[in-house]
């Protein structure tokens, strides 16, 4: 796939984006869910080696293909690794899966009901290296905990500033201002967020597009105007802590939004599985998430 083909797949492809980007802080939890306890590794290198092998096993699987998985978000160390001797982005592209890179360096402490992204002084270099490896886009995450208008505006402003920097480097940014699904003011957060994103989208130059990764809204349809906006290539949703059946059910209520699930994709996979068991579990999860992404309960 060349860049134009990747853009078309992101704009109109039937399927979803796999989030394979657990990083340092979330890796032990991801490994534990995979059936690998902390006493199975004694160093950070061993830990990252085990998570890379899990991701490689997913990418190798016949169940994981561009027919239903149209994109995959990678952790930096995963992008720099190989699958059967091939750079990971190359292995994905050969399967028809568009590669993305997680670029944020984690979150600041909460203030004004939100967590902004930490500084990224090496962002330009990471974007250039990712692009050289064939990566199509990036993903950067902030978190919103309460309906503080000032805090949400600050999150969106920072997200779009970073997004413009990434666009200048030649990648497609996935802007991810996550709303905590446990927030007591979740519906209000969603509404404020949608309005702030619309302001930033309207201010973008003509012909420029970004992608959005949002929490599934409390009120279905809250993000319809974002889905329909000409400066949005695609809107994707994170599972945000929902188990897969509930996440897929909520996804199906929102037109035009496809999944970008991590935990909900991986929750049934175990290190101890035979190849046949692993492929069956992964295939079942992919089918369920694909259905929630393309079979909507609302008119398109």
C-alpha atoms as a PDB file:
ATOM      1  CA  UNK A   1       0.000   0.000   0.000  1.00  0.00           C
ATOM      2  CA  UNK A   2       1.217   3.468  -0.848  1.00  0.00           C
ATOM      3  CA  UNK A   3       0.204   6.607   1.077  1.00  0.00           C
ATOM      4  CA  UNK A   4      -2.837   7.296  -1.104  1.00  0.00           C
ATOM      5  CA  UNK A   5      -4.054   3.707  -0.688  1.00  0.00           C
ATOM      6  CA  UNK A   6      -3.603   3.942   3.080  1.00  0.00           C
ATOM      7  CA  UNK A   7      -5.550   7.208   3.154  1.00  0.00           C
ATOM      8  CA  UNK A   8      -8.394   5.616   1.207  1.00  0.00           C
ATOM      9  CA  UNK A   9      -8.418   2.581   3.495  1.00  0.00           C
ATOM     10  CA  UNK A  10      -8.634   4.828   6.556  1.00  0.00           C
ATOM     11  CA  UNK A  11     -11.364   6.955   4.978  1.00  0.00           C
ATOM     12  CA  UNK A  12     -13.636   4.190   3.755  1.00  0.00           C
ATOM     13  CA  UNK A  13     -12.286   0.770   4.751  1.00  0.00           C
ATOM     14  CA  UNK A  14     -14.641  -1.690   6.440  1.00  0.00           C
ATOM     15  CA  UNK A  15     -13.092  -2.826   9.696  1.00  0.00           C
ATOM     16  CA  UNK A  16     -11.356  -1.408  12.750  1.00  0.00           C
ATOM     17  CA  UNK A  17      -7.972  -0.368  14.144  1.00  0.00           C
ATOM     18  CA  UNK A  18      -6.186  -2.670  16.579  1.00  0.00           C
ATOM     19  CA  UNK A  19      -4.466  -0.814  19.433  1.00  0.00           C
ATOM     20  CA  UNK A  20      -1.240  -2.744  20.117  1.00  0.00           C
ATOM     21  CA  UNK A  21       0.465   0.155  21.881  1.00  0.00           C
ATOM     22  CA  UNK A  22       0.626  -0.673  25.591  1.00  0.00           C
ATOM     23  CA  UNK A  23       3.754   1.072  26.857  1.00  0.00           C
ATOM     24  CA  UNK A  24       5.958   0.939  29.955  1.00  0.00           C
ATOM     25  CA  UNK A  25       3.390   1.557  32.680  1.00  0.00           C
ATOM     26  CA  UNK A  26       0.639  -0.576  31.185  1.00  0.00           C
ATOM     27  CA  UNK A  27       2.807  -3.471  29.955  1.00  0.00           C
ATOM     28  CA  UNK A  28       2.799  -5.523  33.215  1.00  0.00           C
ATOM     29  CA  UNK A  29      -1.009  -5.349  33.318  1.00  0.00           C
ATOM     30  CA  UNK A  30      -1.244  -6.366  29.653  1.00  0.00           C
ATOM     31  CA  UNK A  31       1.099  -9.298  30.252  1.00  0.00           C
ATOM     32  CA  UNK A  32      -0.852 -10.394  33.333  1.00  0.00           C
ATOM     33  CA  UNK A  33      -4.034 -10.405  31.248  1.00  0.00           C
ATOM     34  CA  UNK A  34      -2.177 -12.549  28.723  1.00  0.00           C
ATOM     35  CA  UNK A  35      -1.336 -15.082  31.451  1.00  0.00           C
ATOM     36  CA  UNK A  36       2.259 -13.966  32.099  1.00  0.00           C
ATOM     37  CA  UNK A  37       2.882 -13.142  35.767  1.00  0.00           C
ATOM     38  CA  UNK A  38       5.491 -10.634  36.950  1.00  0.00           C
ATOM     39  CA  UNK A  39       7.815 -13.400  38.175  1.00  0.00           C
ATOM     40  CA  UNK A  40       8.223 -14.583  34.566  1.00  0.00           C
ATOM     41  CA  UNK A  41      10.638 -11.704  33.839  1.00  0.00           C
ATOM     42  CA  UNK A  42      13.374 -10.038  35.856  1.00  0.00           C
ATOM     43  CA  UNK A  43      14.158  -6.945  33.794  1.00  0.00           C
ATOM     44  CA  UNK A  44      12.487  -4.333  31.639  1.00  0.00           C
ATOM     45  CA  UNK A  45      14.153  -5.840  28.565  1.00  0.00           C
ATOM     46  CA  UNK A  46      12.658  -9.267  29.309  1.00  0.00           C
ATOM     47  CA  UNK A  47       9.253  -7.661  29.922  1.00  0.00           C
ATOM     48  CA  UNK A  48       9.316  -5.829  26.608  1.00  0.00           C
ATOM     49  CA  UNK A  49      10.556  -8.979  24.888  1.00  0.00           C
ATOM     50  CA  UNK A  50       7.508 -10.879  26.131  1.00  0.00           C
ATOM     51  CA  UNK A  51       5.039  -8.187  25.070  1.00  0.00           C
ATOM     52  CA  UNK A  52       6.723  -7.980  21.657  1.00  0.00           C
ATOM     53  CA  UNK A  53       6.319 -11.717  21.209  1.00  0.00           C
ATOM     54  CA  UNK A  54       2.623 -11.399  22.104  1.00  0.00           C
ATOM     55  CA  UNK A  55       2.188  -8.692  19.482  1.00  0.00           C
ATOM     56  CA  UNK A  56       4.187 -10.676  16.928  1.00  0.00           C
ATOM     57  CA  UNK A  57       1.950 -13.678  17.563  1.00  0.00           C
ATOM     58  CA  UNK A  58      -1.094 -11.508  16.882  1.00  0.00           C
ATOM     59  CA  UNK A  59       0.380 -10.051  13.682  1.00  0.00           C
ATOM     60  CA  UNK A  60       1.420 -13.508  12.413  1.00  0.00           C
ATOM     61  CA  UNK A  61      -2.025 -14.991  12.984  1.00  0.00           C
ATOM     62  CA  UNK A  62      -4.110 -15.804   9.927  1.00  0.00           C
ATOM     63  CA  UNK A  63      -7.048 -14.234  11.793  1.00  0.00           C
ATOM     64  CA  UNK A  64      -5.277 -10.846  11.738  1.00  0.00           C
ATOM     65  CA  UNK A  65      -5.535  -9.402   8.244  1.00  0.00           C
ATOM     66  CA  UNK A  66      -6.491  -6.251   6.406  1.00  0.00           C
ATOM     67  CA  UNK A  67      -9.885  -7.710   5.537  1.00  0.00           C
ATOM     68  CA  UNK A  68     -11.207  -6.768   8.981  1.00  0.00           C
ATOM     69  CA  UNK A  69      -8.297  -5.060  10.758  1.00  0.00           C
ATOM     70  CA  UNK A  70      -7.617  -1.977   8.661  1.00  0.00           C
ATOM     71  CA  UNK A  71      -5.010  -0.420  10.956  1.00  0.00           C
ATOM     72  CA  UNK A  72      -2.801  -1.083  13.972  1.00  0.00           C
ATOM     73  CA  UNK A  73      -1.319   1.356  16.514  1.00  0.00           C
ATOM     74  CA  UNK A  74       2.188   0.447  17.681  1.00  0.00           C
ATOM     75  CA  UNK A  75       4.331   1.271  20.690  1.00  0.00           C
ATOM     76  CA  UNK A  76       7.672   2.791  19.622  1.00  0.00           C
ATOM     77  CA  UNK A  77       9.664  -0.292  20.624  1.00  0.00           C
ATOM     78  CA  UNK A  78       7.258  -2.478  18.663  1.00  0.00           C
ATOM     79  CA  UNK A  79       7.679  -0.298  15.571  1.00  0.00           C
ATOM     80  CA  UNK A  80      11.450  -0.661  15.898  1.00  0.00           C
ATOM     81  CA  UNK A  81      11.202  -4.453  16.209  1.00  0.00           C
ATOM     82  CA  UNK A  82      10.716  -7.198  13.670  1.00  0.00           C
ATOM     83  CA  UNK A  83       8.273 -10.005  12.921  1.00  0.00           C
ATOM     84  CA  UNK A  84       9.980 -12.972  11.270  1.00  0.00           C
ATOM     85  CA  UNK A  85      12.857 -10.761  10.211  1.00  0.00           C
ATOM     86  CA  UNK A  86      10.729  -7.969   8.732  1.00  0.00           C
ATOM     87  CA  UNK A  87      10.269  -4.530  10.293  1.00  0.00           C
ATOM     88  CA  UNK A  88       6.888  -4.530  12.044  1.00  0.00           C
ATOM     89  CA  UNK A  89       5.409  -1.748   9.848  1.00  0.00           C
ATOM     90  CA  UNK A  90       6.421  -3.723   6.742  1.00  0.00           C
ATOM     91  CA  UNK A  91       4.847  -6.912   8.125  1.00  0.00           C
ATOM     92  CA  UNK A  92       1.600  -5.027   8.758  1.00  0.00           C
ATOM     93  CA  UNK A  93       1.525  -3.365   5.341  1.00  0.00           C
ATOM     94  CA  UNK A  94       2.063  -6.734   3.652  1.00  0.00           C
ATOM     95  CA  UNK A  95      -1.085  -7.961   5.441  1.00  0.00           C
ATOM     96  CA  UNK A  96      -3.072  -4.918   4.312  1.00  0.00           C
ATOM     97  CA  UNK A  97      -2.972  -3.273   7.752  1.00  0.00           C
ATOM     98  CA  UNK A  98      -2.117   0.449   7.986  1.00  0.00           C
ATOM     99  CA  UNK A  99       0.518   1.167  10.694  1.00  0.00           C
ATOM    100  CA  UNK A 100       0.299   3.983  13.272  1.00  0.00           C
ATOM    101  CA  UNK A 101       2.691   4.965  16.067  1.00  0.00           C
ATOM    102  CA  UNK A 102       1.849   6.076  19.624  1.00  0.00           C
ATOM    103  CA  UNK A 103       3.878   9.260  20.144  1.00  0.00           C
ATOM    104  CA  UNK A 104       2.814  10.640  23.529  1.00  0.00           C
ATOM    105  CA  UNK A 105       5.081  10.169  26.546  1.00  0.00           C
ATOM    106  CA  UNK A 106       2.356   9.779  29.125  1.00  0.00           C
ATOM    107  CA  UNK A 107       0.186  12.144  31.129  1.00  0.00           C
ATOM    108  CA  UNK A 108       0.714  15.095  33.459  1.00  0.00           C
ATOM    109  CA  UNK A 109      -0.928  15.083  36.886  1.00  0.00           C
ATOM    110  CA  UNK A 110      -4.608  15.992  36.901  1.00  0.00           C
ATOM    111  CA  UNK A 111      -5.471  19.691  36.923  1.00  0.00           C
ATOM    112  CA  UNK A 112      -8.781  21.379  36.058  1.00  0.00           C
ATOM    113  CA  UNK A 113     -10.363  17.940  35.735  1.00  0.00           C
ATOM    114  CA  UNK A 114      -8.029  16.770  32.951  1.00  0.00           C
ATOM    115  CA  UNK A 115      -4.604  15.282  32.297  1.00  0.00           C
ATOM    116  CA  UNK A 116      -2.605  16.948  29.559  1.00  0.00           C
ATOM    117  CA  UNK A 117       0.178  15.174  27.682  1.00  0.00           C
ATOM    118  CA  UNK A 118       3.733  15.411  28.951  1.00  0.00           C
ATOM    119  CA  UNK A 119       6.230  17.322  26.779  1.00  0.00           C
ATOM    120  CA  UNK A 120       7.523  15.516  23.664  1.00  0.00           C
ATOM    121  CA  UNK A 121      10.879  17.168  22.885  1.00  0.00           C
ATOM    122  CA  UNK A 122      11.878  14.430  20.428  1.00  0.00           C
ATOM    123  CA  UNK A 123       8.580  14.363  18.549  1.00  0.00           C
ATOM    124  CA  UNK A 124       9.906  15.636  15.207  1.00  0.00           C
ATOM    125  CA  UNK A 125      12.654  13.004  15.179  1.00  0.00           C
ATOM    126  CA  UNK A 126      10.189  10.219  16.064  1.00  0.00           C
ATOM    127  CA  UNK A 127       7.783  11.333  13.336  1.00  0.00           C
ATOM    128  CA  UNK A 128      10.597  11.380  10.755  1.00  0.00           C
ATOM    129  CA  UNK A 129      11.832   7.925  11.797  1.00  0.00           C
ATOM    130  CA  UNK A 130       8.311   6.504  11.762  1.00  0.00           C
ATOM    131  CA  UNK A 131       7.594   7.918   8.315  1.00  0.00           C
ATOM    132  CA  UNK A 132      10.836   6.397   6.993  1.00  0.00           C
ATOM    133  CA  UNK A 133       9.649   2.982   8.233  1.00  0.00           C
ATOM    134  CA  UNK A 134       6.380   3.299   6.294  1.00  0.00           C
ATOM    135  CA  UNK A 135       4.159   4.354   9.190  1.00  0.00           C
ATOM    136  CA  UNK A 136       1.044   6.267   8.072  1.00  0.00           C
ATOM    137  CA  UNK A 137      -0.067   8.068  11.213  1.00  0.00           C
ATOM    138  CA  UNK A 138       0.341   8.757  14.919  1.00  0.00           C
ATOM    139  CA  UNK A 139      -1.758   8.600  18.071  1.00  0.00           C
ATOM    140  CA  UNK A 140      -1.526  10.870  21.101  1.00  0.00           C
ATOM    141  CA  UNK A 141      -3.668  10.566  24.259  1.00  0.00           C
ATOM    142  CA  UNK A 142      -4.976  12.958  26.906  1.00  0.00           C
ATOM    143  CA  UNK A 143      -7.641  12.187  29.523  1.00  0.00           C
ATOM    144  CA  UNK A 144     -10.705  14.151  30.648  1.00  0.00           C
ATOM    145  CA  UNK A 145     -12.117  13.299  34.085  1.00  0.00           C
ATOM    146  CA  UNK A 146     -14.773  15.953  34.691  1.00  0.00           C
ATOM    147  CA  UNK A 147     -16.813  18.578  32.859  1.00  0.00           C
ATOM    148  CA  UNK A 148     -14.427  21.468  33.433  1.00  0.00           C
ATOM    149  CA  UNK A 149     -14.777  23.666  30.353  1.00  0.00           C
ATOM    150  CA  UNK A 150     -11.390  25.325  30.844  1.00  0.00           C
ATOM    151  CA  UNK A 151      -9.618  21.992  31.259  1.00  0.00           C
ATOM    152  CA  UNK A 152     -11.317  20.385  28.253  1.00  0.00           C
ATOM    153  CA  UNK A 153     -10.484  23.413  26.083  1.00  0.00           C
ATOM    154  CA  UNK A 154      -6.832  23.092  27.153  1.00  0.00           C
ATOM    155  CA  UNK A 155      -6.789  19.395  26.244  1.00  0.00           C
ATOM    156  CA  UNK A 156      -8.223  20.027  22.785  1.00  0.00           C
ATOM    157  CA  UNK A 157      -5.889  22.982  22.160  1.00  0.00           C
ATOM    158  CA  UNK A 158      -2.825  20.889  23.057  1.00  0.00           C
ATOM    159  CA  UNK A 159      -4.054  17.956  20.994  1.00  0.00           C
ATOM    160  CA  UNK A 160      -4.464  20.061  17.872  1.00  0.00           C
ATOM    161  CA  UNK A 161      -1.119  21.813  18.378  1.00  0.00           C
ATOM    162  CA  UNK A 162       0.595  18.421  18.449  1.00  0.00           C
ATOM    163  CA  UNK A 163      -1.581  17.261  15.563  1.00  0.00           C
ATOM    164  CA  UNK A 164      -0.414  20.158  13.393  1.00  0.00           C
ATOM    165  CA  UNK A 165       3.210  19.373  14.241  1.00  0.00           C
ATOM    166  CA  UNK A 166       2.641  15.761  13.158  1.00  0.00           C
ATOM    167  CA  UNK A 167       0.905  16.821   9.949  1.00  0.00           C
ATOM    168  CA  UNK A 168       3.914  19.011   9.165  1.00  0.00           C
ATOM    169  CA  UNK A 169       6.100  15.927   9.516  1.00  0.00           C
ATOM    170  CA  UNK A 170       4.024  13.999   6.995  1.00  0.00           C
ATOM    171  CA  UNK A 171       1.959  11.706   9.245  1.00  0.00           C
ATOM    172  CA  UNK A 172      -1.801  11.565   9.873  1.00  0.00           C
ATOM    173  CA  UNK A 173      -2.530  12.381  13.544  1.00  0.00           C
ATOM    174  CA  UNK A 174      -5.112  10.475  15.542  1.00  0.00           C
ATOM    175  CA  UNK A 175      -6.181  13.042  18.119  1.00  0.00           C
ATOM    176  CA  UNK A 176      -7.253  11.219  21.308  1.00  0.00           C
ATOM    177  CA  UNK A 177      -8.857  13.256  24.099  1.00  0.00           C
ATOM    178  CA  UNK A 178     -10.232  10.310  26.101  1.00  0.00           C
ATOM    179  CA  UNK A 179     -13.184  10.875  28.411  1.00  0.00           C
ATOM    180  CA  UNK A 180     -13.026   8.682  31.505  1.00  0.00           C
ATOM    181  CA  UNK A 181     -16.113   6.462  31.190  1.00  0.00           C
ATOM    182  CA  UNK A 182     -16.400   6.410  35.006  1.00  0.00           C
ATOM    183  CA  UNK A 183     -16.772  10.184  35.150  1.00  0.00           C
ATOM    184  CA  UNK A 184     -19.926  11.335  36.961  1.00  0.00           C
ATOM    185  CA  UNK A 185     -20.223  14.118  34.366  1.00  0.00           C
ATOM    186  CA  UNK A 186     -19.510  11.952  31.327  1.00  0.00           C
ATOM    187  CA  UNK A 187     -22.353  13.236  29.121  1.00  0.00           C
ATOM    188  CA  UNK A 188     -21.399  16.851  29.847  1.00  0.00           C
ATOM    189  CA  UNK A 189     -17.743  16.058  29.106  1.00  0.00           C
ATOM    190  CA  UNK A 190     -18.751  14.566  25.752  1.00  0.00           C
ATOM    191  CA  UNK A 191     -20.798  17.636  24.800  1.00  0.00           C
ATOM    192  CA  UNK A 192     -18.115  20.158  25.772  1.00  0.00           C
ATOM    193  CA  UNK A 193     -15.477  18.072  24.008  1.00  0.00           C
ATOM    194  CA  UNK A 194     -17.473  17.862  20.783  1.00  0.00           C
ATOM    195  CA  UNK A 195     -17.960  21.632  20.725  1.00  0.00           C
ATOM    196  CA  UNK A 196     -14.262  22.344  21.364  1.00  0.00           C
ATOM    197  CA  UNK A 197     -13.151  19.899  18.661  1.00  0.00           C
ATOM    198  CA  UNK A 198     -15.540  21.496  16.160  1.00  0.00           C
ATOM    199  CA  UNK A 199     -13.930  24.890  16.820  1.00  0.00           C
ATOM    200  CA  UNK A 200     -10.459  23.504  16.127  1.00  0.00           C
ATOM    201  CA  UNK A 201     -11.597  21.629  13.027  1.00  0.00           C
ATOM    202  CA  UNK A 202     -13.227  24.720  11.585  1.00  0.00           C
ATOM    203  CA  UNK A 203      -9.954  26.614  12.083  1.00  0.00           C
ATOM    204  CA  UNK A 204      -7.866  24.083  10.140  1.00  0.00           C
ATOM    205  CA  UNK A 205      -6.857  25.075   6.588  1.00  0.00           C
ATOM    206  CA  UNK A 206      -9.015  23.790   3.765  1.00  0.00           C
ATOM    207  CA  UNK A 207      -7.943  20.360   2.535  1.00  0.00           C
ATOM    208  CA  UNK A 208      -6.320  19.369   5.847  1.00  0.00           C
ATOM    209  CA  UNK A 209      -7.709  16.338   7.686  1.00  0.00           C
ATOM    210  CA  UNK A 210      -7.113  14.637  11.021  1.00  0.00           C
ATOM    211  CA  UNK A 211      -8.456  11.507  12.661  1.00  0.00           C
ATOM    212  CA  UNK A 212     -10.160  11.396  16.059  1.00  0.00           C
ATOM    213  CA  UNK A 213     -10.106   8.694  18.733  1.00  0.00           C
ATOM    214  CA  UNK A 214     -12.846   9.242  21.298  1.00  0.00           C
ATOM    215  CA  UNK A 215     -14.459   7.416  24.180  1.00  0.00           C
ATOM    216  CA  UNK A 216     -17.825   5.899  23.340  1.00  0.00           C
ATOM    217  CA  UNK A 217     -20.279   8.677  24.234  1.00  0.00           C
ATOM    218  CA  UNK A 218     -22.779   8.437  27.066  1.00  0.00           C
ATOM    219  CA  UNK A 219     -25.488   9.615  24.653  1.00  0.00           C
ATOM    220  CA  UNK A 220     -25.266   7.850  21.268  1.00  0.00           C
ATOM    221  CA  UNK A 221     -24.936  10.268  18.378  1.00  0.00           C
ATOM    222  CA  UNK A 222     -23.126  12.949  20.391  1.00  0.00           C
ATOM    223  CA  UNK A 223     -20.240  12.883  17.926  1.00  0.00           C
ATOM    224  CA  UNK A 224     -22.267  12.758  14.687  1.00  0.00           C
ATOM    225  CA  UNK A 225     -21.131  16.260  13.666  1.00  0.00           C
ATOM    226  CA  UNK A 226     -17.502  15.168  14.031  1.00  0.00           C
ATOM    227  CA  UNK A 227     -18.070  12.035  11.941  1.00  0.00           C
ATOM    228  CA  UNK A 228     -19.607  14.174   9.191  1.00  0.00           C
ATOM    229  CA  UNK A 229     -17.007  16.967   9.282  1.00  0.00           C
ATOM    230  CA  UNK A 230     -15.033  17.311   6.015  1.00  0.00           C
ATOM    231  CA  UNK A 231     -11.765  17.812   7.941  1.00  0.00           C
ATOM    232  CA  UNK A 232     -12.088  14.459   9.733  1.00  0.00           C
ATOM    233  CA  UNK A 233     -10.747  11.445   7.859  1.00  0.00           C
ATOM    234  CA  UNK A 234     -12.243   8.940  10.336  1.00  0.00           C
ATOM    235  CA  UNK A 235     -13.544   8.772  13.892  1.00  0.00           C
ATOM    236  CA  UNK A 236     -12.527   5.731  15.926  1.00  0.00           C
ATOM    237  CA  UNK A 237     -13.508   4.735  19.475  1.00  0.00           C
ATOM    238  CA  UNK A 238     -11.563   3.297  22.367  1.00  0.00           C
ATOM    239  CA  UNK A 239     -13.136   0.680  24.595  1.00  0.00           C
ATOM    240  CA  UNK A 240     -12.206   2.706  27.677  1.00  0.00           C
ATOM    241  CA  UNK A 241     -12.590  -0.130  30.175  1.00  0.00           C
ATOM    242  CA  UNK A 242     -15.794  -1.647  28.811  1.00  0.00           C
ATOM    243  CA  UNK A 243     -15.632  -5.406  28.335  1.00  0.00           C
ATOM    244  CA  UNK A 244     -15.834  -6.368  24.669  1.00  0.00           C
ATOM    245  CA  UNK A 245     -19.568  -7.267  24.458  1.00  0.00           C
ATOM    246  CA  UNK A 246     -20.613  -3.946  26.007  1.00  0.00           C
ATOM    247  CA  UNK A 247     -18.045  -1.960  24.018  1.00  0.00           C
ATOM    248  CA  UNK A 248     -19.274  -3.491  20.758  1.00  0.00           C
ATOM    249  CA  UNK A 249     -22.919  -2.888  21.686  1.00  0.00           C
ATOM    250  CA  UNK A 250     -22.208   0.796  22.440  1.00  0.00           C
ATOM    251  CA  UNK A 251     -20.137   1.100  19.257  1.00  0.00           C
ATOM    252  CA  UNK A 252     -23.023  -0.176  17.134  1.00  0.00           C
ATOM    253  CA  UNK A 253     -25.212   2.684  18.421  1.00  0.00           C
ATOM    254  CA  UNK A 254     -22.924   5.331  16.891  1.00  0.00           C
ATOM    255  CA  UNK A 255     -22.982   5.800  13.133  1.00  0.00           C
ATOM    256  CA  UNK A 256     -19.740   6.156  11.242  1.00  0.00           C
ATOM    257  CA  UNK A 257     -17.493   5.338  14.230  1.00  0.00           C
ATOM    258  CA  UNK A 258     -15.239   2.280  14.094  1.00  0.00           C
ATOM    259  CA  UNK A 259     -13.340   0.611  16.914  1.00  0.00           C
ATOM    260  CA  UNK A 260      -9.770   1.134  18.001  1.00  0.00           C
ATOM    261  CA  UNK A 261      -9.782  -1.342  20.865  1.00  0.00           C
ATOM    262  CA  UNK A 262      -6.891  -2.649  22.940  1.00  0.00           C
ATOM    263  CA  UNK A 263      -8.020  -4.503  26.058  1.00  0.00           C
ATOM    264  CA  UNK A 264     -11.325  -5.498  24.442  1.00  0.00           C
ATOM    265  CA  UNK A 265      -9.394  -7.059  21.544  1.00  0.00           C
ATOM    266  CA  UNK A 266      -6.863  -8.931  23.691  1.00  0.00           C
ATOM    267  CA  UNK A 267      -8.943  -9.978  26.697  1.00  0.00           C
ATOM    268  CA  UNK A 268      -9.406 -13.640  25.684  1.00  0.00           C
ATOM    269  CA  UNK A 269      -5.811 -14.293  24.531  1.00  0.00           C
ATOM    270  CA  UNK A 270      -3.477 -16.347  26.735  1.00  0.00           C
ATOM    271  CA  UNK A 271       0.209 -17.190  26.472  1.00  0.00           C
ATOM    272  CA  UNK A 272      -0.568 -20.841  27.238  1.00  0.00           C
ATOM    273  CA  UNK A 273      -2.902 -21.332  24.253  1.00  0.00           C
ATOM    274  CA  UNK A 274      -2.044 -23.657  21.404  1.00  0.00           C
ATOM    275  CA  UNK A 275      -1.723 -21.966  17.992  1.00  0.00           C
ATOM    276  CA  UNK A 276      -5.196 -23.226  17.087  1.00  0.00           C
ATOM    277  CA  UNK A 277      -6.741 -21.946  20.324  1.00  0.00           C
ATOM    278  CA  UNK A 278      -5.002 -18.594  19.957  1.00  0.00           C
ATOM    279  CA  UNK A 279      -6.153 -18.088  16.366  1.00  0.00           C
ATOM    280  CA  UNK A 280      -9.720 -19.075  17.285  1.00  0.00           C
ATOM    281  CA  UNK A 281      -9.853 -16.670  20.243  1.00  0.00           C
ATOM    282  CA  UNK A 282      -8.326 -13.816  18.239  1.00  0.00           C
ATOM    283  CA  UNK A 283     -10.586 -14.508  15.275  1.00  0.00           C
ATOM    284  CA  UNK A 284     -13.675 -14.476  17.471  1.00  0.00           C
ATOM    285  CA  UNK A 285     -12.702 -11.139  19.008  1.00  0.00           C
ATOM    286  CA  UNK A 286     -11.949  -9.644  15.592  1.00  0.00           C
ATOM    287  CA  UNK A 287     -15.308 -10.801  14.212  1.00  0.00           C
ATOM    288  CA  UNK A 288     -17.196  -9.295  17.154  1.00  0.00           C
ATOM    289  CA  UNK A 289     -15.394  -5.928  16.969  1.00  0.00           C
ATOM    290  CA  UNK A 290     -15.712  -5.852  13.174  1.00  0.00           C
ATOM    291  CA  UNK A 291     -19.476  -6.363  13.498  1.00  0.00           C
ATOM    292  CA  UNK A 292     -19.803  -3.465  15.965  1.00  0.00           C
ATOM    293  CA  UNK A 293     -17.778  -1.276  13.632  1.00  0.00           C
ATOM    294  CA  UNK A 294     -19.703  -1.941  10.409  1.00  0.00           C
ATOM    295  CA  UNK A 295     -23.190  -3.139  11.423  1.00  0.00           C
ATOM    296  CA  UNK A 296     -24.871  -0.087  12.928  1.00  0.00           C
ATOM    297  CA  UNK A 297     -28.170   0.134  14.768  1.00  0.00           C
ATOM    298  CA  UNK A 298     -28.646   3.669  13.417  1.00  0.00           C
ATOM    299  CA  UNK A 299     -28.950   4.995   9.882  1.00  0.00           C
ATOM    300  CA  UNK A 300     -25.658   6.051   8.334  1.00  0.00           C
END
